[in-house]
C-alpha atoms as a PDB file:
ATOM      1  CA  MET A   1       0.107   0.105  -0.050  1.00  0.00           C
ATOM      2  CA  GLN A   2       1.257   3.637  -1.037  1.00  0.00           C
ATOM      3  CA  SER A   3       1.691   6.145   1.621  1.00  0.00           C
ATOM      4  CA  VAL A   4      -1.603   7.957   2.901  1.00  0.00           C
ATOM      5  CA  VAL A   5      -3.381   9.518   0.305  1.00  0.00           C
ATOM      6  CA  ALA A   6      -6.096  12.529   0.161  1.00  0.00           C
ATOM      7  CA  PRO A   7      -9.338  10.556   0.312  1.00  0.00           C
ATOM      8  CA  THR A   8     -11.027  10.525  -3.270  1.00  0.00           C
ATOM      9  CA  LYS A   9     -14.206  11.509  -1.517  1.00  0.00           C
ATOM     10  CA  ASN A  10     -14.799  13.903   1.244  1.00  0.00           C
ATOM     11  CA  PRO A  11     -16.345  12.534   4.550  1.00  0.00           C
ATOM     12  CA  ASP A  12     -18.092  15.528   5.532  1.00  0.00           C
ATOM     13  CA  ARG A  13     -20.360  15.023   2.160  1.00  0.00           C
ATOM     14  CA  ASP A  14     -20.872  11.259   2.028  1.00  0.00           C
ATOM     15  CA  LYS A  15     -23.663   9.808   3.889  1.00  0.00           C
ATOM     16  CA  ARG A  16     -21.639   6.278   4.040  1.00  0.00           C
ATOM     17  CA  PHE A  17     -18.897   7.635   6.547  1.00  0.00           C
ATOM     18  CA  LYS A  18     -21.743   8.764   8.547  1.00  0.00           C
ATOM     19  CA  VAL A  19     -23.667   4.994   8.750  1.00  0.00           C
ATOM     20  CA  LEU A  20     -19.957   4.097   8.824  1.00  0.00           C
ATOM     21  CA  ASP A  21     -18.995   6.515  12.215  1.00  0.00           C
ATOM     22  CA  VAL A  22     -22.602   4.974  13.715  1.00  0.00           C
ATOM     23  CA  THR A  23     -20.859   1.576  13.814  1.00  0.00           C
ATOM     24  CA  MET A  24     -17.919   3.289  15.610  1.00  0.00           C
ATOM     25  CA  LYS A  25     -19.851   5.170  18.013  1.00  0.00           C
ATOM     26  CA  ARG A  26     -22.198   2.228  18.949  1.00  0.00           C
ATOM     27  CA  ASN A  27     -18.737   0.593  19.763  1.00  0.00           C
ATOM     28  CA  GLN A  28     -17.151   3.201  21.466  1.00  0.00           C
ATOM     29  CA  TYR A  29     -14.417   3.946  18.872  1.00  0.00           C
ATOM     30  CA  ARG A  30     -12.316   1.361  20.556  1.00  0.00           C
ATOM     31  CA  GLN A  31      -9.580   0.003  18.756  1.00  0.00           C
ATOM     32  CA  ASP A  32     -10.601  -4.472  19.474  1.00  0.00           C
ATOM     33  CA  ALA A  33     -14.038  -2.807  17.735  1.00  0.00           C
ATOM     34  CA  LEU A  34     -11.780  -3.054  14.347  1.00  0.00           C
ATOM     35  CA  ILE A  35     -13.088  -6.161  12.278  1.00  0.00           C
ATOM     36  CA  GLU A  36     -16.781  -5.313  13.090  1.00  0.00           C
ATOM     37  CA  VAL A  37     -15.625  -2.032  12.022  1.00  0.00           C
ATOM     38  CA  LEU A  38     -13.913  -3.084   8.620  1.00  0.00           C
ATOM     39  CA  HIS A  39     -17.118  -5.580   8.359  1.00  0.00           C
ATOM     40  CA  LYS A  40     -19.583  -2.694   8.543  1.00  0.00           C
ATOM     41  CA  ALA A  41     -16.924  -0.665   5.827  1.00  0.00           C
ATOM     42  CA  GLN A  42     -17.140  -3.504   3.434  1.00  0.00           C
ATOM     43  CA  GLU A  43     -21.383  -3.590   3.797  1.00  0.00           C
ATOM     44  CA  ILE A  44     -21.474   0.226   3.490  1.00  0.00           C
ATOM     45  CA  PHE A  45     -19.294   0.830   0.284  1.00  0.00           C
ATOM     46  CA  GLY A  46     -18.843  -2.709  -1.216  1.00  0.00           C
ATOM     47  CA  TYR A  47     -15.399  -2.815  -0.741  1.00  0.00           C
ATOM     48  CA  LEU A  48     -12.619  -0.851   1.400  1.00  0.00           C
ATOM     49  CA  GLU A  49     -11.067   1.604  -0.194  1.00  0.00           C
ATOM     50  CA  GLU A  50      -7.622   2.944   1.068  1.00  0.00           C
ATOM     51  CA  ASN A  51      -9.690   6.265   1.520  1.00  0.00           C
ATOM     52  CA  VAL A  52     -11.900   4.248   3.974  1.00  0.00           C
ATOM     53  CA  LEU A  53      -8.843   2.508   5.629  1.00  0.00           C
ATOM     54  CA  THR A  54      -7.609   5.991   5.780  1.00  0.00           C
ATOM     55  CA  TYR A  55     -10.662   7.317   7.726  1.00  0.00           C
ATOM     56  CA  ILE A  56     -11.005   3.958   9.685  1.00  0.00           C
ATOM     57  CA  ALA A  57      -7.635   4.493  11.154  1.00  0.00           C
ATOM     58  CA  LYS A  58      -8.271   8.187  12.640  1.00  0.00           C
ATOM     59  CA  GLU A  59     -11.586   7.519  14.251  1.00  0.00           C
ATOM     60  CA  LEU A  60     -10.217   4.388  16.108  1.00  0.00           C
ATOM     61  CA  LYS A  61      -6.345   6.376  16.534  1.00  0.00           C
ATOM     62  CA  LEU A  62      -4.839   3.089  15.172  1.00  0.00           C
ATOM     63  CA  PRO A  63      -1.825   3.067  12.488  1.00  0.00           C
ATOM     64  CA  LEU A  64      -2.981   2.505   9.423  1.00  0.00           C
ATOM     65  CA  SER A  65      -0.718  -0.245   8.854  1.00  0.00           C
ATOM     66  CA  ARG A  66      -2.991  -2.520  11.775  1.00  0.00           C
ATOM     67  CA  VAL A  67      -6.172  -1.736   9.593  1.00  0.00           C
ATOM     68  CA  TYR A  68      -4.408  -2.606   6.535  1.00  0.00           C
ATOM     69  CA  GLY A  69      -2.770  -4.703   8.242  1.00  0.00           C
ATOM     70  CA  VAL A  70      -6.063  -6.680   9.310  1.00  0.00           C
ATOM     71  CA  ALA A  71      -8.400  -6.018   6.384  1.00  0.00           C
ATOM     72  CA  THR A  72      -5.124  -7.985   4.315  1.00  0.00           C
ATOM     73  CA  PHE A  73      -5.069 -10.805   6.509  1.00  0.00           C
ATOM     74  CA  TYR A  74      -8.260 -11.758   6.580  1.00  0.00           C
ATOM     75  CA  HIS A  75     -10.242 -13.494   3.143  1.00  0.00           C
ATOM     76  CA  LEU A  76     -13.672 -11.778   3.277  1.00  0.00           C
ATOM     77  CA  PHE A  77     -12.022  -8.435   3.059  1.00  0.00           C
ATOM     78  CA  GLN A  78     -11.795  -7.213   0.007  1.00  0.00           C
ATOM     79  CA  LEU A  79      -9.405  -3.491  -1.257  1.00  0.00           C
ATOM     80  CA  LYS A  80     -10.989  -3.581  -4.348  1.00  0.00           C
ATOM     81  CA  PRO A  81     -14.378  -4.184  -6.366  1.00  0.00           C
ATOM     82  CA  LYS A  82     -15.926  -7.517  -6.877  1.00  0.00           C
ATOM     83  CA  GLY A  83     -17.042  -8.737 -10.192  1.00  0.00           C
ATOM     84  CA  ASP A  84     -20.850  -9.526 -10.613  1.00  0.00           C
ATOM     85  CA  ARG A  85     -19.748 -13.501 -10.478  1.00  0.00           C
ATOM     86  CA  THR A  86     -17.334 -14.539  -8.047  1.00  0.00           C
ATOM     87  CA  PHE A  87     -14.752 -17.730  -8.713  1.00  0.00           C
ATOM     88  CA  VAL A  88     -12.710 -19.038  -5.620  1.00  0.00           C
ATOM     89  CA  VAL A  89     -10.267 -22.074  -6.056  1.00  0.00           C
ATOM     90  CA  CYS A  90      -9.200 -23.559  -2.745  1.00  0.00           C
ATOM     91  CA  LEU A  91      -5.741 -24.021  -1.696  1.00  0.00           C
ATOM     92  CA  GLY A  92      -6.010 -25.781   1.211  1.00  0.00           C
ATOM     93  CA  THR A  93      -3.471 -28.120   1.451  1.00  0.00           C
ATOM     94  CA  ALA A  94      -5.172 -31.569  -0.018  1.00  0.00           C
ATOM     95  CA  CYS A  95      -6.573 -29.150  -3.268  1.00  0.00           C
ATOM     96  CA  TYR A  96      -3.121 -28.311  -3.750  1.00  0.00           C
ATOM     97  CA  VAL A  97      -2.156 -31.743  -3.815  1.00  0.00           C
ATOM     98  CA  LYS A  98      -4.801 -32.765  -6.188  1.00  0.00           C
ATOM     99  CA  GLY A  99      -4.074 -29.690  -8.676  1.00  0.00           C
ATOM    100  CA  ALA A 100      -4.804 -26.336  -7.329  1.00  0.00           C
ATOM    101  CA  LYS A 101      -2.018 -25.391  -8.775  1.00  0.00           C
ATOM    102  CA  GLU A 102      -2.564 -26.114 -12.106  1.00  0.00           C
ATOM    103  CA  LEU A 103      -6.218 -24.233 -11.891  1.00  0.00           C
ATOM    104  CA  LEU A 104      -4.771 -21.469 -11.369  1.00  0.00           C
ATOM    105  CA  GLU A 105      -2.573 -21.713 -14.019  1.00  0.00           C
ATOM    106  CA  ALA A 106      -4.813 -22.353 -16.726  1.00  0.00           C
ATOM    107  CA  LEU A 107      -7.189 -19.301 -15.961  1.00  0.00           C
ATOM    108  CA  GLU A 108      -3.829 -17.179 -15.768  1.00  0.00           C
ATOM    109  CA  ASN A 109      -2.716 -18.433 -19.232  1.00  0.00           C
ATOM    110  CA  ASN A 110      -6.132 -19.081 -21.125  1.00  0.00           C
ATOM    111  CA  VAL A 111      -8.654 -16.165 -19.336  1.00  0.00           C
ATOM    112  CA  GLN A 112      -5.741 -13.882 -18.209  1.00  0.00           C
ATOM    113  CA  LEU A 113      -6.877 -13.227 -14.428  1.00  0.00           C
ATOM    114  CA  ARG A 114      -4.948 -14.094 -11.590  1.00  0.00           C
ATOM    115  CA  PRO A 115      -5.804 -14.469  -7.684  1.00  0.00           C
ATOM    116  CA  GLY A 116      -7.231 -11.049  -6.407  1.00  0.00           C
ATOM    117  CA  GLU A 117      -8.236  -9.294 -10.035  1.00  0.00           C
ATOM    118  CA  THR A 118     -11.252  -8.727 -11.785  1.00  0.00           C
ATOM    119  CA  THR A 119     -11.655  -8.820 -15.286  1.00  0.00           C
ATOM    120  CA  PRO A 120     -12.086  -5.242 -17.124  1.00  0.00           C
ATOM    121  CA  ASP A 121     -15.402  -5.167 -17.438  1.00  0.00           C
ATOM    122  CA  GLY A 122     -16.303  -5.965 -14.083  1.00  0.00           C
ATOM    123  CA  GLU A 123     -17.625  -9.371 -15.012  1.00  0.00           C
ATOM    124  CA  VAL A 124     -15.919 -11.998 -13.131  1.00  0.00           C
ATOM    125  CA  SER A 125     -13.663 -11.617 -10.092  1.00  0.00           C
ATOM    126  CA  LEU A 126     -11.029 -14.602  -8.944  1.00  0.00           C
ATOM    127  CA  MET A 127     -10.103 -15.049  -5.510  1.00  0.00           C
ATOM    128  CA  THR A 128      -8.066 -18.214  -3.649  1.00  0.00           C
ATOM    129  CA  ALA A 129      -8.834 -19.573  -0.283  1.00  0.00           C
ATOM    130  CA  ARG A 130      -7.254 -20.885   2.454  1.00  0.00           C
ATOM    131  CA  CYS A 131      -9.365 -24.061   2.691  1.00  0.00           C
ATOM    132  CA  ILE A 132     -13.117 -23.929   2.236  1.00  0.00           C
ATOM    133  CA  GLY A 133     -13.478 -27.133   4.056  1.00  0.00           C
ATOM    134  CA  ALA A 134     -14.254 -29.410   0.555  1.00  0.00           C
ATOM    135  CA  CYS A 135     -11.423 -31.522   1.221  1.00  0.00           C
ATOM    136  CA  GLY A 136     -12.702 -34.903   0.292  1.00  0.00           C
ATOM    137  CA  ILE A 137     -13.427 -33.573  -2.666  1.00  0.00           C
ATOM    138  CA  ALA A 138     -10.056 -31.972  -4.001  1.00  0.00           C
ATOM    139  CA  PRO A 139      -9.848 -30.050  -6.083  1.00  0.00           C
ATOM    140  CA  ALA A 140     -12.560 -27.309  -5.404  1.00  0.00           C
ATOM    141  CA  ALA A 141     -13.525 -24.158  -6.468  1.00  0.00           C
ATOM    142  CA  VAL A 142     -16.799 -21.925  -5.388  1.00  0.00           C
ATOM    143  CA  PHE A 143     -18.496 -20.725  -8.425  1.00  0.00           C
ATOM    144  CA  ASP A 144     -20.911 -17.863  -7.065  1.00  0.00           C
ATOM    145  CA  GLY A 145     -21.896 -19.927  -4.260  1.00  0.00           C
ATOM    146  CA  ARG A 146     -21.455 -23.661  -5.742  1.00  0.00           C
ATOM    147  CA  VAL A 147     -18.594 -25.524  -4.528  1.00  0.00           C
ATOM    148  CA  CYS A 148     -17.419 -27.522  -7.479  1.00  0.00           C
ATOM    149  CA  GLY A 149     -15.059 -30.936  -6.660  1.00  0.00           C
ATOM    150  CA  LYS A 150     -13.262 -32.700  -8.634  1.00  0.00           C
ATOM    151  CA  GLN A 151     -11.762 -30.018 -10.588  1.00  0.00           C
ATOM    152  CA  LEU A 152      -9.942 -30.411 -14.196  1.00  0.00           C
ATOM    153  CA  PRO A 153      -8.181 -27.055 -15.170  1.00  0.00           C
ATOM    154  CA  SER A 154      -9.889 -26.426 -18.367  1.00  0.00           C
ATOM    155  CA  GLU A 155     -13.757 -27.041 -16.701  1.00  0.00           C
ATOM    156  CA  VAL A 156     -13.024 -23.901 -14.668  1.00  0.00           C
ATOM    157  CA  VAL A 157     -11.228 -22.408 -17.766  1.00  0.00           C
ATOM    158  CA  ALA A 158     -14.731 -23.380 -19.569  1.00  0.00           C
ATOM    159  CA  THR A 159     -16.610 -22.106 -16.784  1.00  0.00           C
ATOM    160  CA  ILE A 160     -15.355 -18.659 -16.112  1.00  0.00           C
ATOM    161  CA  LYS A 161     -15.470 -18.372 -19.703  1.00  0.00           C
ATOM    162  CA  ASN A 162     -19.035 -18.943 -19.964  1.00  0.00           C
ATOM    163  CA  CYS A 163     -19.429 -15.802 -17.947  1.00  0.00           C
ATOM    164  CA  LEU A 164     -17.579 -13.365 -20.711  1.00  0.00           C
ATOM    165  CA  PRO A 165     -18.924 -12.084 -22.533  1.00  0.00           C
ATOM    166  CA  GLU A 166     -18.196 -12.574 -26.390  1.00  0.00           C
END
């Protein structure tokens, strides 16, 4: 993350910041409420923009590095807007051993999409997870909330290509 940049939105004029303020006030601006505040911010803004992280750090009197560290540690927080469709490849041990790396390589080579990225049209986001708990059907992926097991590289590429406009 770059050094602190001037916010792109004015917290005084953006009503979403007022909703976020209510959550922080309800938690008495306690630093240990950071995860709850981040969840609320993501719910309000759709993802955690840099200016939102900066605002939270200032209001909770925390270093920006700590807020950013928490936001990047937990898989459910997004620092970029997600696409309309979401694909998650499991990188848990069983999935990795049974071919998860090959699934990601196929997506990168055939769809030019890497984990954490969204297609330029905003249609598809690709993410990874440490484990989705589907070890018995490894390698597994989650397509728009539906768990699919025993995936082959050609299958995941075809699934994503079917979602992309021609």
